[in-house]
């Protein structure tokens, strides 16, 4: 018997890297408040809402003092195979609940995802599903031995859907002789709008 999962409005928290190191970018945390009511010992599965994480990535090259746009790349991060960090956070949403304060200390501390799903389905739980991403761009200016700026800019449009909820964000990064840029914006923005933000 499967137990339904109810979710509240997801929240996307984004923080620019404070210590650049070699990277311009952001640390993203998608927090999804989730509730499952316990179904007793016959419950073994949870019906979670549909989840999708799409990104549109566009690069610009600074050529002769002009930013030249390249062809955007669009793809679903959540369907990535293998060890894709962002996809794995969602796949392991039940096992990761063991690290949340609401997890009963009498339950296993390091359950498999399947074991944790069964425990939650039987006993119920309110917790925050957390999905992380760290979109960044190497910037030689901040290397241990600084190099010339890359004369490169990149925008990433995030379109993330969890059940009926839709989150749209746009990241803009630039490493150029005109200066650097590191923005995380609400909503999605056209290429023309992003171009006006570049240094």
Protein backbone atom coordinates (compact mmCIF):
# COMPACT_ATOMS: atom_id res chain seq x y z
CA UNK A 1 0.00 0.00 0.00
CA UNK A 2 1.39 3.38 -1.01
CA UNK A 3 1.03 6.49 1.14
CA UNK A 4 0.52 9.88 -0.55
CA UNK A 5 3.07 12.63 0.00
CA UNK A 6 1.75 16.16 0.51
CA UNK A 7 4.07 19.08 -0.13
CA UNK A 8 3.95 22.81 0.65
CA UNK A 9 5.46 25.63 -1.41
CA UNK A 10 9.11 24.78 -2.20
CA UNK A 11 11.73 27.45 -1.48
CA UNK A 12 14.93 28.01 -3.47
CA UNK A 13 17.75 29.51 -1.43
CA UNK A 14 20.79 30.77 -3.35
CA UNK A 15 24.02 32.14 -1.93
CA UNK A 16 26.91 33.49 -3.95
CA UNK A 17 30.27 31.88 -3.21
CA UNK A 18 31.84 34.01 -0.51
CA UNK A 19 35.34 32.69 -1.00
CA UNK A 20 35.91 32.68 -4.74
CA UNK A 21 38.81 30.27 -4.95
CA UNK A 22 38.88 29.52 -8.69
CA UNK A 23 35.10 29.67 -9.05
CA UNK A 24 32.36 32.20 -9.66
CA UNK A 25 28.98 30.75 -8.81
CA UNK A 26 26.27 29.99 -6.27
CA UNK A 27 25.30 27.34 -3.76
CA UNK A 28 21.63 26.46 -4.32
CA UNK A 29 19.32 24.68 -1.90
CA UNK A 30 15.81 23.67 -2.95
CA UNK A 31 13.82 22.97 0.21
CA UNK A 32 10.53 21.07 -0.17
CA UNK A 33 8.34 20.72 2.97
CA UNK A 34 6.90 17.19 2.78
CA UNK A 35 4.34 15.33 4.88
CA UNK A 36 3.48 11.64 4.85
CA UNK A 37 0.93 10.20 7.29
CA UNK A 38 1.70 6.73 8.59
CA UNK A 39 -0.17 3.79 7.11
CA UNK A 40 0.86 1.06 9.54
CA UNK A 41 2.82 -2.10 8.95
CA UNK A 42 1.24 -2.84 5.56
CA UNK A 43 2.51 0.42 4.03
CA UNK A 44 5.77 0.10 2.11
CA UNK A 45 5.77 2.79 -0.57
CA UNK A 46 5.20 6.54 -0.93
CA UNK A 47 3.59 8.28 -3.90
CA UNK A 48 5.72 11.40 -4.33
CA UNK A 49 4.77 14.30 -6.61
CA UNK A 50 6.34 14.57 -10.04
CA UNK A 51 9.73 16.31 -10.03
CA UNK A 52 11.61 17.92 -12.93
CA UNK A 53 14.69 20.16 -13.01
CA UNK A 54 15.41 21.71 -16.42
CA UNK A 55 18.27 24.03 -17.27
CA UNK A 56 18.91 26.21 -20.30
CA UNK A 57 22.60 27.15 -20.48
CA UNK A 58 23.78 29.94 -22.77
CA UNK A 59 27.39 31.08 -23.23
CA UNK A 60 28.69 34.40 -24.51
CA UNK A 61 32.25 35.05 -25.73
CA UNK A 62 33.75 38.56 -25.56
CA UNK A 63 35.15 39.05 -29.05
CA UNK A 64 36.56 42.39 -30.13
CA UNK A 65 34.76 44.15 -27.31
CA UNK A 66 31.40 42.60 -28.25
CA UNK A 67 29.60 39.80 -26.40
CA UNK A 68 28.73 37.10 -28.96
CA UNK A 69 26.01 34.63 -27.99
CA UNK A 70 26.44 30.91 -28.62
CA UNK A 71 23.71 28.32 -29.14
CA UNK A 72 21.85 27.50 -25.87
CA UNK A 73 21.85 23.96 -24.49
CA UNK A 74 18.65 22.69 -22.87
CA UNK A 75 18.35 19.57 -20.76
CA UNK A 76 16.68 17.79 -17.82
CA UNK A 77 19.08 17.51 -14.88
CA UNK A 78 16.74 15.22 -12.94
CA UNK A 79 16.99 12.55 -15.65
CA UNK A 80 20.78 12.48 -15.65
CA UNK A 81 22.24 9.02 -15.34
CA UNK A 82 25.06 7.96 -13.05
CA UNK A 83 26.47 10.16 -10.31
CA UNK A 84 24.77 13.45 -11.01
CA UNK A 85 24.79 15.22 -7.64
CA UNK A 86 21.62 17.25 -8.13
CA UNK A 87 19.63 14.28 -9.46
CA UNK A 88 20.87 12.06 -6.65
CA UNK A 89 19.59 14.41 -3.93
CA UNK A 90 16.04 13.88 -5.21
CA UNK A 91 16.50 10.14 -5.81
CA UNK A 92 17.70 9.68 -2.22
CA UNK A 93 15.02 11.91 -0.67
CA UNK A 94 13.92 9.28 1.88
CA UNK A 95 17.38 8.18 3.04
CA UNK A 96 18.38 11.84 3.42
CA UNK A 97 15.45 12.36 5.81
CA UNK A 98 17.52 10.49 8.41
CA UNK A 99 19.61 13.64 8.76
CA UNK A 100 16.60 15.85 9.54
CA UNK A 101 15.65 16.82 13.13
CA UNK A 102 12.23 15.14 12.83
CA UNK A 103 13.75 11.70 12.21
CA UNK A 104 12.98 9.43 15.17
CA UNK A 105 16.27 8.62 16.98
CA UNK A 106 15.01 5.06 17.48
CA UNK A 107 15.00 4.53 13.70
CA UNK A 108 18.12 3.47 11.76
CA UNK A 109 20.63 6.28 11.34
CA UNK A 110 21.90 5.30 7.88
CA UNK A 111 19.04 3.55 6.09
CA UNK A 112 18.99 2.76 2.41
CA UNK A 113 16.53 4.82 0.40
CA UNK A 114 14.14 1.86 0.17
CA UNK A 115 14.37 1.14 3.89
CA UNK A 116 13.75 4.79 4.76
CA UNK A 117 10.75 4.92 2.40
CA UNK A 118 9.21 1.93 4.19
CA UNK A 119 9.83 3.46 7.65
CA UNK A 120 8.24 6.77 6.63
CA UNK A 121 5.29 5.06 4.89
CA UNK A 122 4.53 3.02 8.00
CA UNK A 123 5.13 5.65 10.67
CA UNK A 124 4.62 9.00 8.92
CA UNK A 125 6.96 11.99 8.92
CA UNK A 126 7.07 15.73 8.29
CA UNK A 127 10.48 16.83 6.96
CA UNK A 128 12.22 19.02 4.42
CA UNK A 129 13.41 17.33 1.24
CA UNK A 130 16.59 19.13 0.22
CA UNK A 131 18.08 19.21 -3.28
CA UNK A 132 21.44 20.93 -3.80
CA UNK A 133 23.22 22.30 -6.83
CA UNK A 134 26.46 24.27 -7.13
CA UNK A 135 26.50 25.91 -10.58
CA UNK A 136 29.82 27.69 -11.03
CA UNK A 137 32.35 28.78 -13.63
CA UNK A 138 36.12 28.55 -13.36
CA UNK A 139 37.67 32.03 -13.19
CA UNK A 140 41.48 32.18 -13.64
CA UNK A 141 41.52 35.59 -11.95
CA UNK A 142 41.10 33.82 -8.60
CA UNK A 143 43.56 30.98 -9.16
CA UNK A 144 46.56 30.63 -6.82
CA UNK A 145 48.58 31.87 -9.78
CA UNK A 146 46.18 34.37 -11.39
CA UNK A 147 45.66 34.18 -15.12
CA UNK A 148 43.89 36.34 -17.64
CA UNK A 149 40.07 36.55 -17.41
CA UNK A 150 38.25 34.04 -19.59
CA UNK A 151 36.33 36.66 -21.61
CA UNK A 152 33.38 34.35 -21.12
CA UNK A 153 29.86 34.74 -19.72
CA UNK A 154 27.21 32.18 -18.96
CA UNK A 155 23.54 32.26 -18.02
CA UNK A 156 21.62 29.32 -16.60
CA UNK A 157 17.81 29.38 -16.57
CA UNK A 158 16.36 27.02 -13.98
CA UNK A 159 12.82 25.68 -14.43
CA UNK A 160 12.04 23.39 -11.52
CA UNK A 161 8.66 21.77 -11.02
CA UNK A 162 7.58 19.84 -7.93
CA UNK A 163 3.97 18.70 -8.19
CA UNK A 164 1.90 21.80 -8.95
CA UNK A 165 4.67 24.22 -7.93
CA UNK A 166 6.99 25.89 -10.45
CA UNK A 167 10.22 27.73 -9.60
CA UNK A 168 12.06 29.86 -12.14
CA UNK A 169 15.49 31.38 -11.55
CA UNK A 170 18.29 32.74 -13.74
CA UNK A 171 21.99 32.72 -12.89
CA UNK A 172 24.41 35.07 -14.69
CA UNK A 173 28.18 34.63 -14.44
CA UNK A 174 30.94 36.50 -16.29
CA UNK A 175 34.74 36.50 -16.19
CA UNK A 176 36.08 39.28 -18.39
CA UNK A 177 38.63 42.08 -18.66
CA UNK A 178 35.69 44.44 -18.11
CA UNK A 179 35.04 42.88 -14.70
CA UNK A 180 33.25 39.90 -13.20
CA UNK A 181 29.54 39.36 -12.70
CA UNK A 182 27.76 36.96 -10.34
CA UNK A 183 23.94 37.23 -10.16
CA UNK A 184 21.03 35.01 -9.14
CA UNK A 185 17.74 36.48 -10.37
CA UNK A 186 14.09 35.60 -9.85
CA UNK A 187 12.26 34.43 -12.96
CA UNK A 188 13.68 33.62 -16.37
CA UNK A 189 15.25 36.28 -18.58
CA UNK A 190 15.69 36.57 -22.34
CA UNK A 191 19.12 36.56 -23.93
CA UNK A 192 18.72 40.26 -24.72
CA UNK A 193 18.01 41.00 -21.05
CA UNK A 194 21.02 38.95 -19.90
CA UNK A 195 23.24 40.73 -22.43
CA UNK A 196 22.39 44.06 -20.82
CA UNK A 197 23.62 42.69 -17.47
CA UNK A 198 27.06 41.67 -18.73
CA UNK A 199 30.06 43.91 -17.89
